[in-house]
C-alpha atoms as a PDB file:
ATOM      1  CA  MET A   1     -12.448   7.688  -4.660  1.00  0.00           C
ATOM      2  CA  LEU A   2     -11.985   6.687  -1.035  1.00  0.00           C
ATOM      3  CA  PHE A   3      -9.027   8.728   0.104  1.00  0.00           C
ATOM      4  CA  THR A   4      -6.053  10.632  -1.264  1.00  0.00           C
ATOM      5  CA  GLU A   5      -2.730  11.704   0.140  1.00  0.00           C
ATOM      6  CA  GLY A   6      -3.871  15.279  -0.106  1.00  0.00           C
ATOM      7  CA  PHE A   7      -6.704  14.790   2.354  1.00  0.00           C
ATOM      8  CA  PRO A   8      -6.919  17.962   4.484  1.00  0.00           C
ATOM      9  CA  LYS A   9      -6.253  17.319   8.153  1.00  0.00           C
ATOM     10  CA  ALA A  10      -8.781  19.686   9.643  1.00  0.00           C
ATOM     11  CA  PRO A  11      -9.550  19.568  13.391  1.00  0.00           C
ATOM     12  CA  ASN A  12     -12.054  16.789  12.774  1.00  0.00           C
ATOM     13  CA  TRP A  13      -9.987  14.978  10.134  1.00  0.00           C
ATOM     14  CA  ARG A  14     -10.246  11.565  11.864  1.00  0.00           C
ATOM     15  CA  ALA A  15     -14.012  11.825  12.040  1.00  0.00           C
ATOM     16  CA  THR A  16     -14.098  12.828   8.377  1.00  0.00           C
ATOM     17  CA  MET A  17     -11.910   9.853   7.496  1.00  0.00           C
ATOM     18  CA  THR A  18     -14.220   7.472   9.354  1.00  0.00           C
ATOM     19  CA  THR A  19     -17.179   8.913   7.475  1.00  0.00           C
ATOM     20  CA  THR A  20     -15.369   8.665   4.139  1.00  0.00           C
ATOM     21  CA  ILE A  21     -14.702   4.917   4.160  1.00  0.00           C
ATOM     22  CA  GLY A  22     -16.306   3.886   7.428  1.00  0.00           C
ATOM     23  CA  PRO A  23     -15.760   0.894   9.702  1.00  0.00           C
ATOM     24  CA  ARG A  24     -17.808  -1.191   7.260  1.00  0.00           C
ATOM     25  CA  ALA A  25     -14.989  -0.914   4.719  1.00  0.00           C
ATOM     26  CA  THR A  26     -13.120  -4.092   3.806  1.00  0.00           C
ATOM     27  CA  LEU A  27      -9.507  -4.706   4.623  1.00  0.00           C
ATOM     28  CA  ARG A  28      -8.491  -4.035   1.011  1.00  0.00           C
ATOM     29  CA  GLU A  29     -10.393  -0.739   0.902  1.00  0.00           C
ATOM     30  CA  CYS A  30      -8.641   0.422   4.056  1.00  0.00           C
ATOM     31  CA  ALA A  31      -5.258  -0.730   2.809  1.00  0.00           C
ATOM     32  CA  GLU A  32      -5.642   1.093  -0.503  1.00  0.00           C
ATOM     33  CA  ALA A  33      -6.766   4.246   1.296  1.00  0.00           C
ATOM     34  CA  ILE A  34      -4.473   4.643   4.270  1.00  0.00           C
ATOM     35  CA  TYR A  35      -1.571   2.187   4.014  1.00  0.00           C
ATOM     36  CA  LEU A  36      -0.455   1.326   0.474  1.00  0.00           C
ATOM     37  CA  PRO A  37       0.014   4.932  -0.743  1.00  0.00           C
ATOM     38  CA  HIS A  38       2.873   5.290   1.744  1.00  0.00           C
ATOM     39  CA  VAL A  39       4.934   2.166   1.015  1.00  0.00           C
ATOM     40  CA  GLY A  40       7.258   1.183  -1.807  1.00  0.00           C
ATOM     41  CA  GLN A  41       6.221  -0.553  -5.014  1.00  0.00           C
ATOM     42  CA  SER A  42       7.561  -3.984  -4.025  1.00  0.00           C
ATOM     43  CA  THR A  43       5.688  -3.808  -0.721  1.00  0.00           C
ATOM     44  CA  ARG A  44       2.458  -2.863  -2.515  1.00  0.00           C
ATOM     45  CA  VAL A  45       2.763  -5.909  -4.775  1.00  0.00           C
ATOM     46  CA  LYS A  46       3.400  -8.182  -1.772  1.00  0.00           C
ATOM     47  CA  VAL A  47       0.518  -6.751   0.304  1.00  0.00           C
ATOM     48  CA  ARG A  48      -1.983  -6.992  -2.556  1.00  0.00           C
ATOM     49  CA  LEU A  49      -1.048 -10.644  -3.048  1.00  0.00           C
ATOM     50  CA  GLU A  50      -1.604 -11.287   0.664  1.00  0.00           C
ATOM     51  CA  LEU A  51      -4.934  -9.444   0.565  1.00  0.00           C
ATOM     52  CA  LYS A  52      -6.041 -11.631  -2.340  1.00  0.00           C
ATOM     53  CA  ARG A  53      -5.214 -14.644  -0.179  1.00  0.00           C
ATOM     54  CA  TRP A  54      -7.244 -13.129   2.679  1.00  0.00           C
ATOM     55  CA  GLU A  55     -10.244 -12.528   0.419  1.00  0.00           C
ATOM     56  CA  ARG A  56     -10.121 -16.085  -0.917  1.00  0.00           C
ATOM     57  CA  LEU A  57      -9.882 -17.811   2.466  1.00  0.00           C
ATOM     58  CA  THR A  58     -12.276 -15.619   4.485  1.00  0.00           C
ATOM     59  CA  ASP A  59     -15.687 -14.088   3.888  1.00  0.00           C
ATOM     60  CA  ASP A  60     -13.861 -10.727   3.693  1.00  0.00           C
ATOM     61  CA  PRO A  61     -15.685  -9.110   6.616  1.00  0.00           C
ATOM     62  CA  PRO A  62     -15.713  -5.357   7.321  1.00  0.00           C
ATOM     63  CA  VAL A  63     -12.728  -4.307   9.429  1.00  0.00           C
ATOM     64  CA  GLU A  64     -14.986  -3.636  12.445  1.00  0.00           C
ATOM     65  CA  ASN A  65     -15.986  -7.335  12.425  1.00  0.00           C
ATOM     66  CA  ILE A  66     -12.450  -8.748  12.313  1.00  0.00           C
ATOM     67  CA  ASP A  67     -11.602 -10.269  15.689  1.00  0.00           C
ATOM     68  CA  ARG A  68      -9.341 -12.935  17.149  1.00  0.00           C
ATOM     69  CA  ARG A  69     -11.576 -15.715  15.860  1.00  0.00           C
ATOM     70  CA  THR A  70     -11.363 -14.302  12.331  1.00  0.00           C
ATOM     71  CA  LEU A  71      -7.568 -14.303  12.458  1.00  0.00           C
ATOM     72  CA  SER A  72      -7.460 -17.801  13.973  1.00  0.00           C
ATOM     73  CA  ALA A  73      -9.761 -19.135  11.238  1.00  0.00           C
ATOM     74  CA  PHE A  74      -7.564 -17.501   8.585  1.00  0.00           C
ATOM     75  CA  HIS A  75      -4.526 -19.073  10.241  1.00  0.00           C
ATOM     76  CA  LEU A  76      -6.107 -22.539  10.118  1.00  0.00           C
ATOM     77  CA  SER A  77      -7.073 -22.053   6.464  1.00  0.00           C
ATOM     78  CA  LEU A  78      -3.487 -21.175   5.558  1.00  0.00           C
ATOM     79  CA  LEU A  79      -2.241 -24.255   7.405  1.00  0.00           C
ATOM     80  CA  SER A  80      -4.765 -26.514   5.687  1.00  0.00           C
ATOM     81  CA  GLU A  81      -3.649 -25.252   2.275  1.00  0.00           C
ATOM     82  CA  GLY A  82      -0.067 -26.174   3.064  1.00  0.00           C
ATOM     83  CA  TYR A  83       1.505 -22.721   3.215  1.00  0.00           C
ATOM     84  CA  ALA A  84       4.953 -22.501   4.794  1.00  0.00           C
ATOM     85  CA  GLN A  85       5.104 -21.175   8.339  1.00  0.00           C
ATOM     86  CA  ASP A  86       7.108 -18.115   7.271  1.00  0.00           C
ATOM     87  CA  THR A  87       4.439 -17.270   4.684  1.00  0.00           C
ATOM     88  CA  ILE A  88       1.699 -17.637   7.299  1.00  0.00           C
ATOM     89  CA  VAL A  89       3.496 -15.446   9.833  1.00  0.00           C
ATOM     90  CA  THR A  90       4.182 -12.762   7.230  1.00  0.00           C
ATOM     91  CA  ASN A  91       0.617 -12.795   5.880  1.00  0.00           C
ATOM     92  CA  ILE A  92      -1.011 -12.466   9.293  1.00  0.00           C
ATOM     93  CA  GLY A  93       1.544  -9.821  10.227  1.00  0.00           C
ATOM     94  CA  THR A  94       0.505  -7.794   7.177  1.00  0.00           C
ATOM     95  CA  ILE A  95      -3.171  -8.091   8.108  1.00  0.00           C
ATOM     96  CA  ARG A  96      -2.433  -6.832  11.620  1.00  0.00           C
ATOM     97  CA  THR A  97      -0.315  -3.973  10.246  1.00  0.00           C
ATOM     98  CA  ILE A  98      -3.267  -2.768   8.169  1.00  0.00           C
ATOM     99  CA  LEU A  99      -5.557  -3.151  11.169  1.00  0.00           C
ATOM    100  CA  THR A 100      -3.116  -1.081  13.235  1.00  0.00           C
ATOM    101  CA  GLU A 101      -3.489   1.708  10.672  1.00  0.00           C
ATOM    102  CA  CYS A 102      -7.262   1.324  10.960  1.00  0.00           C
ATOM    103  CA  GLU A 103      -6.999   1.691  14.718  1.00  0.00           C
ATOM    104  CA  GLU A 104      -4.943   4.869  14.360  1.00  0.00           C
ATOM    105  CA  TRP A 105      -7.608   6.258  12.028  1.00  0.00           C
ATOM    106  CA  GLU A 106     -10.267   5.252  14.577  1.00  0.00           C
ATOM    107  CA  LEU A 107     -11.960   2.902  12.132  1.00  0.00           C
ATOM    108  CA  ILE A 108     -11.743   0.145  14.741  1.00  0.00           C
ATOM    109  CA  GLU A 109     -11.366   0.236  18.506  1.00  0.00           C
ATOM    110  CA  THR A 110      -8.494  -2.201  18.878  1.00  0.00           C
ATOM    111  CA  VAL A 111      -6.344  -4.603  16.870  1.00  0.00           C
ATOM    112  CA  PRO A 112      -7.230  -8.264  17.529  1.00  0.00           C
ATOM    113  CA  LYS A 113      -4.407 -10.445  18.774  1.00  0.00           C
ATOM    114  CA  ILE A 114      -3.421 -13.977  17.904  1.00  0.00           C
ATOM    115  CA  SER A 115      -1.291 -16.292  20.036  1.00  0.00           C
ATOM    116  CA  ARG A 116       2.428 -15.748  19.478  1.00  0.00           C
ATOM    117  CA  ARG A 117       2.935 -19.450  20.143  1.00  0.00           C
ATOM    118  CA  LYS A 118       0.815 -20.304  17.112  1.00  0.00           C
ATOM    119  CA  LEU A 119       2.886 -18.012  14.914  1.00  0.00           C
ATOM    120  CA  SER A 120       6.336 -18.947  16.190  1.00  0.00           C
ATOM    121  CA  ARG A 121       8.948 -19.553  13.545  1.00  0.00           C
ATOM    122  CA  THR A 122      12.636 -20.299  13.453  1.00  0.00           C
ATOM    123  CA  THR A 123      14.683 -17.351  12.281  1.00  0.00           C
ATOM    124  CA  PRO A 124      17.853 -18.447  10.460  1.00  0.00           C
ATOM    125  CA  ASP A 125      21.122 -16.690  11.090  1.00  0.00           C
ATOM    126  CA  PRO A 126      21.638 -13.911   8.514  1.00  0.00           C
ATOM    127  CA  LYS A 127      23.971 -14.931   5.730  1.00  0.00           C
ATOM    128  CA  GLY A 128      26.079 -11.836   5.400  1.00  0.00           C
ATOM    129  CA  ALA A 129      29.170 -11.565   3.231  1.00  0.00           C
ATOM    130  CA  THR A 130      32.686 -11.614   4.660  1.00  0.00           C
ATOM    131  CA  VAL A 131      35.349  -8.945   4.222  1.00  0.00           C
ATOM    132  CA  GLU A 132      37.260 -11.343   1.964  1.00  0.00           C
ATOM    133  CA  GLN A 133      34.226 -11.938  -0.274  1.00  0.00           C
ATOM    134  CA  VAL A 134      33.452  -8.229  -0.624  1.00  0.00           C
ATOM    135  CA  GLU A 135      37.136  -7.600  -1.382  1.00  0.00           C
ATOM    136  CA  ALA A 136      37.020 -10.279  -4.083  1.00  0.00           C
ATOM    137  CA  ILE A 137      33.919  -8.987  -5.867  1.00  0.00           C
ATOM    138  CA  TYR A 138      35.187  -5.398  -5.628  1.00  0.00           C
ATOM    139  CA  ARG A 139      38.338  -6.454  -7.488  1.00  0.00           C
ATOM    140  CA  ALA A 140      36.400  -8.651  -9.939  1.00  0.00           C
ATOM    141  CA  ALA A 141      34.225  -5.722 -11.010  1.00  0.00           C
ATOM    142  CA  SER A 142      36.756  -5.169 -13.800  1.00  0.00           C
ATOM    143  CA  SER A 143      35.122  -8.123 -15.585  1.00  0.00           C
ATOM    144  CA  ALA A 144      31.664  -6.494 -15.695  1.00  0.00           C
ATOM    145  CA  ARG A 145      30.150  -5.555 -19.055  1.00  0.00           C
ATOM    146  CA  TRP A 146      26.902  -4.046 -17.764  1.00  0.00           C
ATOM    147  CA  PRO A 147      25.438  -1.434 -17.335  1.00  0.00           C
ATOM    148  CA  ASP A 148      26.292   0.901 -20.169  1.00  0.00           C
ATOM    149  CA  VAL A 149      27.109   4.101 -18.280  1.00  0.00           C
ATOM    150  CA  PRO A 150      29.592   6.926 -19.022  1.00  0.00           C
ATOM    151  CA  VAL A 151      32.058   5.826 -16.319  1.00  0.00           C
ATOM    152  CA  GLY A 152      32.035   2.217 -17.510  1.00  0.00           C
ATOM    153  CA  PRO A 153      30.676  -0.927 -15.826  1.00  0.00           C
ATOM    154  CA  ALA A 154      33.749  -1.581 -13.657  1.00  0.00           C
ATOM    155  CA  LEU A 155      33.719   1.805 -11.899  1.00  0.00           C
ATOM    156  CA  PHE A 156      29.931   1.650 -11.603  1.00  0.00           C
ATOM    157  CA  TRP A 157      30.052  -1.692  -9.800  1.00  0.00           C
ATOM    158  CA  ARG A 158      32.933  -0.683  -7.543  1.00  0.00           C
ATOM    159  CA  ALA A 159      31.124   2.500  -6.512  1.00  0.00           C
ATOM    160  CA  TRP A 160      27.890   0.578  -5.909  1.00  0.00           C
ATOM    161  CA  ILE A 161      29.572  -2.199  -3.914  1.00  0.00           C
ATOM    162  CA  ALA A 162      31.416   0.381  -1.819  1.00  0.00           C
ATOM    163  CA  THR A 163      28.253   2.392  -1.141  1.00  0.00           C
ATOM    164  CA  VAL A 164      26.001  -0.541  -0.237  1.00  0.00           C
ATOM    165  CA  SER A 165      28.660  -2.327   1.814  1.00  0.00           C
ATOM    166  CA  TRP A 166      29.098   0.844   3.875  1.00  0.00           C
ATOM    167  CA  THR A 167      25.537   2.175   4.142  1.00  0.00           C
ATOM    168  CA  GLY A 168      23.505  -1.041   3.993  1.00  0.00           C
ATOM    169  CA  MET A 169      21.102   0.502   1.475  1.00  0.00           C
ATOM    170  CA  ARG A 170      18.532  -1.858   0.020  1.00  0.00           C
ATOM    171  CA  LEU A 171      18.800  -2.506  -3.710  1.00  0.00           C
ATOM    172  CA  GLY A 172      15.714  -0.451  -4.610  1.00  0.00           C
ATOM    173  CA  ASP A 173      16.914   2.499  -2.561  1.00  0.00           C
ATOM    174  CA  SER A 174      20.401   2.416  -4.062  1.00  0.00           C
ATOM    175  CA  ILE A 175      19.457   2.292  -7.750  1.00  0.00           C
ATOM    176  CA  ARG A 176      16.006   3.920  -7.733  1.00  0.00           C
ATOM    177  CA  SER A 177      15.845   6.403  -4.868  1.00  0.00           C
ATOM    178  CA  PHE A 178      19.408   7.536  -4.086  1.00  0.00           C
ATOM    179  CA  ARG A 179      19.921  10.933  -5.749  1.00  0.00           C
ATOM    180  CA  TRP A 180      22.605  13.578  -5.574  1.00  0.00           C
ATOM    181  CA  GLU A 181      20.396  15.844  -3.492  1.00  0.00           C
ATOM    182  CA  HIS A 182      20.660  13.285  -0.692  1.00  0.00           C
ATOM    183  CA  TRP A 183      24.411  13.739  -0.413  1.00  0.00           C
ATOM    184  CA  ARG A 184      25.028  16.678   1.916  1.00  0.00           C
ATOM    185  CA  ARG A 185      28.658  17.125   0.973  1.00  0.00           C
ATOM    186  CA  ASP A 186      29.342  20.041   3.307  1.00  0.00           C
ATOM    187  CA  ASP A 187      28.050  18.007   6.245  1.00  0.00           C
ATOM    188  CA  GLY A 188      29.775  14.811   5.139  1.00  0.00           C
ATOM    189  CA  VAL A 189      26.577  12.753   5.258  1.00  0.00           C
ATOM    190  CA  ILE A 190      23.937  11.085   3.096  1.00  0.00           C
ATOM    191  CA  LEU A 191      20.443  11.913   4.298  1.00  0.00           C
ATOM    192  CA  MET A 192      17.524  10.050   2.727  1.00  0.00           C
ATOM    193  CA  VAL A 193      14.241   8.284   3.485  1.00  0.00           C
ATOM    194  CA  ALA A 194      14.238   4.548   2.774  1.00  0.00           C
ATOM    195  CA  SER A 195      11.353   3.311   0.620  1.00  0.00           C
ATOM    196  CA  LYS A 196      10.390   0.675   3.211  1.00  0.00           C
ATOM    197  CA  THR A 197       9.866   3.321   5.918  1.00  0.00           C
ATOM    198  CA  ARG A 198       8.718   6.167   3.683  1.00  0.00           C
ATOM    199  CA  ARG A 199       5.298   6.392   5.289  1.00  0.00           C
ATOM    200  CA  HIS A 200       6.953   7.250   8.619  1.00  0.00           C
ATOM    201  CA  GLY A 201       9.044   9.990   6.985  1.00  0.00           C
ATOM    202  CA  LYS A 202      12.072   8.914   9.011  1.00  0.00           C
ATOM    203  CA  LYS A 203      15.379   9.935   7.423  1.00  0.00           C
ATOM    204  CA  HIS A 204      18.408   7.673   7.457  1.00  0.00           C
ATOM    205  CA  VAL A 205      21.826   9.166   8.090  1.00  0.00           C
ATOM    206  CA  PHE A 206      25.057   7.741   6.656  1.00  0.00           C
ATOM    207  CA  VAL A 207      28.454   9.333   7.134  1.00  0.00           C
ATOM    208  CA  VAL A 208      30.649   9.664   4.035  1.00  0.00           C
ATOM    209  CA  PRO A 209      34.370   9.027   4.651  1.00  0.00           C
ATOM    210  CA  ALA A 210      36.972  10.242   2.152  1.00  0.00           C
ATOM    211  CA  TRP A 211      37.239   6.866   0.379  1.00  0.00           C
ATOM    212  CA  LEU A 212      33.472   6.698  -0.222  1.00  0.00           C
ATOM    213  CA  GLU A 213      33.423  10.311  -1.386  1.00  0.00           C
ATOM    214  CA  TRP A 214      36.011   9.329  -4.003  1.00  0.00           C
ATOM    215  CA  HIS A 215      33.684   6.625  -5.331  1.00  0.00           C
ATOM    216  CA  LEU A 216      30.703   8.984  -5.391  1.00  0.00           C
ATOM    217  CA  ARG A 217      32.645  11.673  -7.243  1.00  0.00           C
ATOM    218  CA  ILE A 218      33.371   9.144  -9.967  1.00  0.00           C
ATOM    219  CA  MET A 219      29.644   8.537 -10.402  1.00  0.00           C
ATOM    220  CA  GLN A 220      29.041  12.281 -10.794  1.00  0.00           C
ATOM    221  CA  ARG A 221      30.612  11.985 -14.249  1.00  0.00           C
ATOM    222  CA  CYS A 222      27.422  10.271 -15.385  1.00  0.00           C
ATOM    223  CA  GLU A 223      25.613  13.605 -14.952  1.00  0.00           C
ATOM    224  CA  ARG A 224      22.309  12.030 -13.985  1.00  0.00           C
ATOM    225  CA  ASP A 225      19.859  12.766 -11.157  1.00  0.00           C
ATOM    226  CA  ARG A 226      20.295   9.295  -9.706  1.00  0.00           C
ATOM    227  CA  VAL A 227      23.662   8.314  -8.284  1.00  0.00           C
ATOM    228  CA  PHE A 228      23.527   4.853  -9.861  1.00  0.00           C
ATOM    229  CA  PRO A 229      21.688   5.467 -13.150  1.00  0.00           C
ATOM    230  CA  CYS A 230      21.009   1.960 -14.424  1.00  0.00           C
ATOM    231  CA  PRO A 231      17.522   1.252 -15.828  1.00  0.00           C
ATOM    232  CA  MET A 232      14.966   1.381 -13.005  1.00  0.00           C
ATOM    233  CA  ASN A 233      13.080  -1.731 -14.131  1.00  0.00           C
ATOM    234  CA  THR A 234      16.061  -4.076 -13.940  1.00  0.00           C
ATOM    235  CA  MET A 235      16.048  -5.308 -10.336  1.00  0.00           C
ATOM    236  CA  THR A 236      16.208  -8.979 -11.381  1.00  0.00           C
ATOM    237  CA  ARG A 237      18.826  -8.295 -14.036  1.00  0.00           C
ATOM    238  CA  PHE A 238      20.887  -6.346 -11.507  1.00  0.00           C
ATOM    239  CA  ARG A 239      20.943  -9.363  -9.160  1.00  0.00           C
ATOM    240  CA  ASP A 240      21.923 -11.613 -12.072  1.00  0.00           C
ATOM    241  CA  LYS A 241      24.789  -9.312 -13.046  1.00  0.00           C
ATOM    242  CA  LEU A 242      25.976  -9.185  -9.434  1.00  0.00           C
ATOM    243  CA  ALA A 243      25.989 -13.003  -9.475  1.00  0.00           C
ATOM    244  CA  GLU A 244      28.185 -12.889 -12.598  1.00  0.00           C
ATOM    245  CA  VAL A 245      30.660 -10.617 -10.807  1.00  0.00           C
ATOM    246  CA  CYS A 246      30.715 -13.114  -7.927  1.00  0.00           C
ATOM    247  CA  ASP A 247      31.385 -15.934 -10.386  1.00  0.00           C
ATOM    248  CA  SER A 248      34.308 -13.973 -11.833  1.00  0.00           C
ATOM    249  CA  ALA A 249      35.629 -13.454  -8.307  1.00  0.00           C
ATOM    250  CA  GLY A 250      35.389 -17.164  -7.582  1.00  0.00           C
ATOM    251  CA  VAL A 251      33.219 -16.659  -4.486  1.00  0.00           C
ATOM    252  CA  GLU A 252      29.770 -17.844  -3.476  1.00  0.00           C
ATOM    253  CA  ARG A 253      27.049 -15.853  -5.216  1.00  0.00           C
ATOM    254  CA  LEU A 254      26.081 -12.879  -3.079  1.00  0.00           C
ATOM    255  CA  THR A 255      22.848 -10.900  -3.193  1.00  0.00           C
ATOM    256  CA  PRO A 256      22.265  -7.211  -2.447  1.00  0.00           C
ATOM    257  CA  GLN A 257      20.735  -8.344   0.859  1.00  0.00           C
ATOM    258  CA  ASN A 258      23.987 -10.117   1.757  1.00  0.00           C
ATOM    259  CA  LEU A 259      25.838  -6.813   1.303  1.00  0.00           C
ATOM    260  CA  ARG A 260      23.253  -5.023   3.466  1.00  0.00           C
ATOM    261  CA  GLN A 261      23.761  -7.698   6.128  1.00  0.00           C
ATOM    262  CA  PHE A 262      27.515  -7.218   5.791  1.00  0.00           C
ATOM    263  CA  ALA A 263      27.210  -3.468   6.413  1.00  0.00           C
ATOM    264  CA  ILE A 264      24.967  -3.881   9.467  1.00  0.00           C
ATOM    265  CA  THR A 265      27.240  -6.602  10.885  1.00  0.00           C
ATOM    266  CA  GLN A 266      30.408  -4.543  10.422  1.00  0.00           C
ATOM    267  CA  TRP A 267      28.881  -1.458  12.046  1.00  0.00           C
ATOM    268  CA  SER A 268      27.359  -3.508  14.872  1.00  0.00           C
ATOM    269  CA  SER A 269      30.749  -5.097  15.551  1.00  0.00           C
ATOM    270  CA  SER A 270      32.153  -1.606  15.917  1.00  0.00           C
ATOM    271  CA  CYS A 271      29.296  -0.174  17.987  1.00  0.00           C
ATOM    272  CA  GLU A 272      25.883  -1.695  18.676  1.00  0.00           C
ATOM    273  CA  THR A 273      24.173   1.686  18.514  1.00  0.00           C
ATOM    274  CA  ALA A 274      25.796   2.454  15.158  1.00  0.00           C
ATOM    275  CA  GLY A 275      24.580  -0.907  13.835  1.00  0.00           C
ATOM    276  CA  SER A 276      21.007  -0.028  14.820  1.00  0.00           C
ATOM    277  CA  ILE A 277      21.312   3.310  13.027  1.00  0.00           C
ATOM    278  CA  ILE A 278      22.597   1.692   9.824  1.00  0.00           C
ATOM    279  CA  HIS A 279      19.844  -0.928  10.009  1.00  0.00           C
ATOM    280  CA  GLY A 280      17.208   1.784  10.235  1.00  0.00           C
ATOM    281  CA  CYS A 281      15.605   0.927  13.562  1.00  0.00           C
ATOM    282  CA  GLY A 282      17.670   3.774  15.004  1.00  0.00           C
ATOM    283  CA  LEU A 283      17.914   4.965  18.564  1.00  0.00           C
ATOM    284  CA  PRO A 284      15.405   4.231  21.348  1.00  0.00           C
ATOM    285  CA  LYS A 285      12.756   6.956  21.516  1.00  0.00           C
ATOM    286  CA  VAL A 286      13.972   8.135  24.894  1.00  0.00           C
ATOM    287  CA  MET A 287      17.425   8.887  23.386  1.00  0.00           C
ATOM    288  CA  ARG A 288      16.432  10.636  20.161  1.00  0.00           C
ATOM    289  CA  ASN A 289      16.283  14.090  21.704  1.00  0.00           C
ATOM    290  CA  TYR A 290      19.731  13.729  23.269  1.00  0.00           C
ATOM    291  CA  VAL A 291      21.985  11.892  20.816  1.00  0.00           C
ATOM    292  CA  THR A 292      23.382  13.253  17.545  1.00  0.00           C
ATOM    293  CA  VAL A 293      23.219  10.344  15.111  1.00  0.00           C
ATOM    294  CA  SER A 294      25.997  11.546  12.804  1.00  0.00           C
ATOM    295  CA  ARG A 295      28.409  11.877  15.729  1.00  0.00           C
ATOM    296  CA  VAL A 296      27.741   8.320  16.839  1.00  0.00           C
ATOM    297  CA  LEU A 297      28.536   7.107  13.311  1.00  0.00           C
ATOM    298  CA  GLU A 298      31.619   9.323  12.989  1.00  0.00           C
ATOM    299  CA  SER A 299      32.951   7.936  16.251  1.00  0.00           C
ATOM    300  CA  ALA A 300      32.351   4.329  15.200  1.00  0.00           C
ATOM    301  CA  ALA A 301      33.486   4.656  11.564  1.00  0.00           C
ATOM    302  CA  PRO A 302      37.260   4.238  12.128  1.00  0.00           C
ATOM    303  CA  ARG A 303      36.619   0.858  13.785  1.00  0.00           C
ATOM    304  CA  VAL A 304      34.469  -0.535  10.939  1.00  0.00           C
ATOM    305  CA  GLU A 305      36.490  -3.124   9.027  1.00  0.00           C
ATOM    306  CA  MET A 306      36.187  -2.750   5.257  1.00  0.00           C
ATOM    307  CA  PRO A 307      38.024  -4.366   2.316  1.00  0.00           C
ATOM    308  CA  PRO A 308      41.488  -2.781   1.886  1.00  0.00           C
ATOM    309  CA  SER A 309      41.147  -2.315  -1.892  1.00  0.00           C
ATOM    310  CA  MET A 310      38.026  -0.263  -1.356  1.00  0.00           C
ATOM    311  CA  LEU A 311      39.807   2.177   0.918  1.00  0.00           C
ATOM    312  CA  GLY A 312      42.358   3.145  -1.730  1.00  0.00           C
END
């Protein structure tokens, strides 16, 4: 075994780590030891696929031997195999993320760079939902026949749509991670760590207005640990069922990501700082010791436009 989460951080813990796997370790060995244990399941699957691509197109050198030329050669190999530019940018970004972890663990001296010009890509405008579309699918939830939960499918979907459209939670966080312990009712906030940023331990804060509290109280009737207790292995099915609700509403099919984009857009329109908090990138470091996040959100909340039916 190379490394475990329970590794004791003694005064010389970095030196011990270097000795344990060493700078001669491969990129995959380092990733499995110090990066993948701290990310979500979907990210692990994606990273392992990208590492397999790295191993196939390079001679899989030890991390201490990876330099700019190695990354450039990998870049050319991806181009020659016809990979899309977005795939190339993401793959090389993942490699550099792992190497950044290696640098922090003092397995390498520095992270090699690659020309930004080579990796430029066009970022499309986010395709968020509109207030009218969210209103329509919220109303159309009465047509839902899944999932089989004590409160019924319609109330389940309305509570989920309301929660995600307000907090911008990712799908996995909303149906797998969000538990009742995260709702600090006395403080009027939801406090939880998103799966994508779990390794940083950074908690996200969401204020809970009266109308959202009403939706959450309905879900308490399910008497489960998770707020939205549908089967945890049904991410694809969940998206399909959301598409069916959209069809019933007569609107373009929306995805959970579209609702996250909607939430971030609505908050950003109200207050740029609040939008950054909902997104998860949060406040600039220089401000974190001076600004109370929940107060920023509470101040911005009345100006966030939401579907009228959702507000009661």
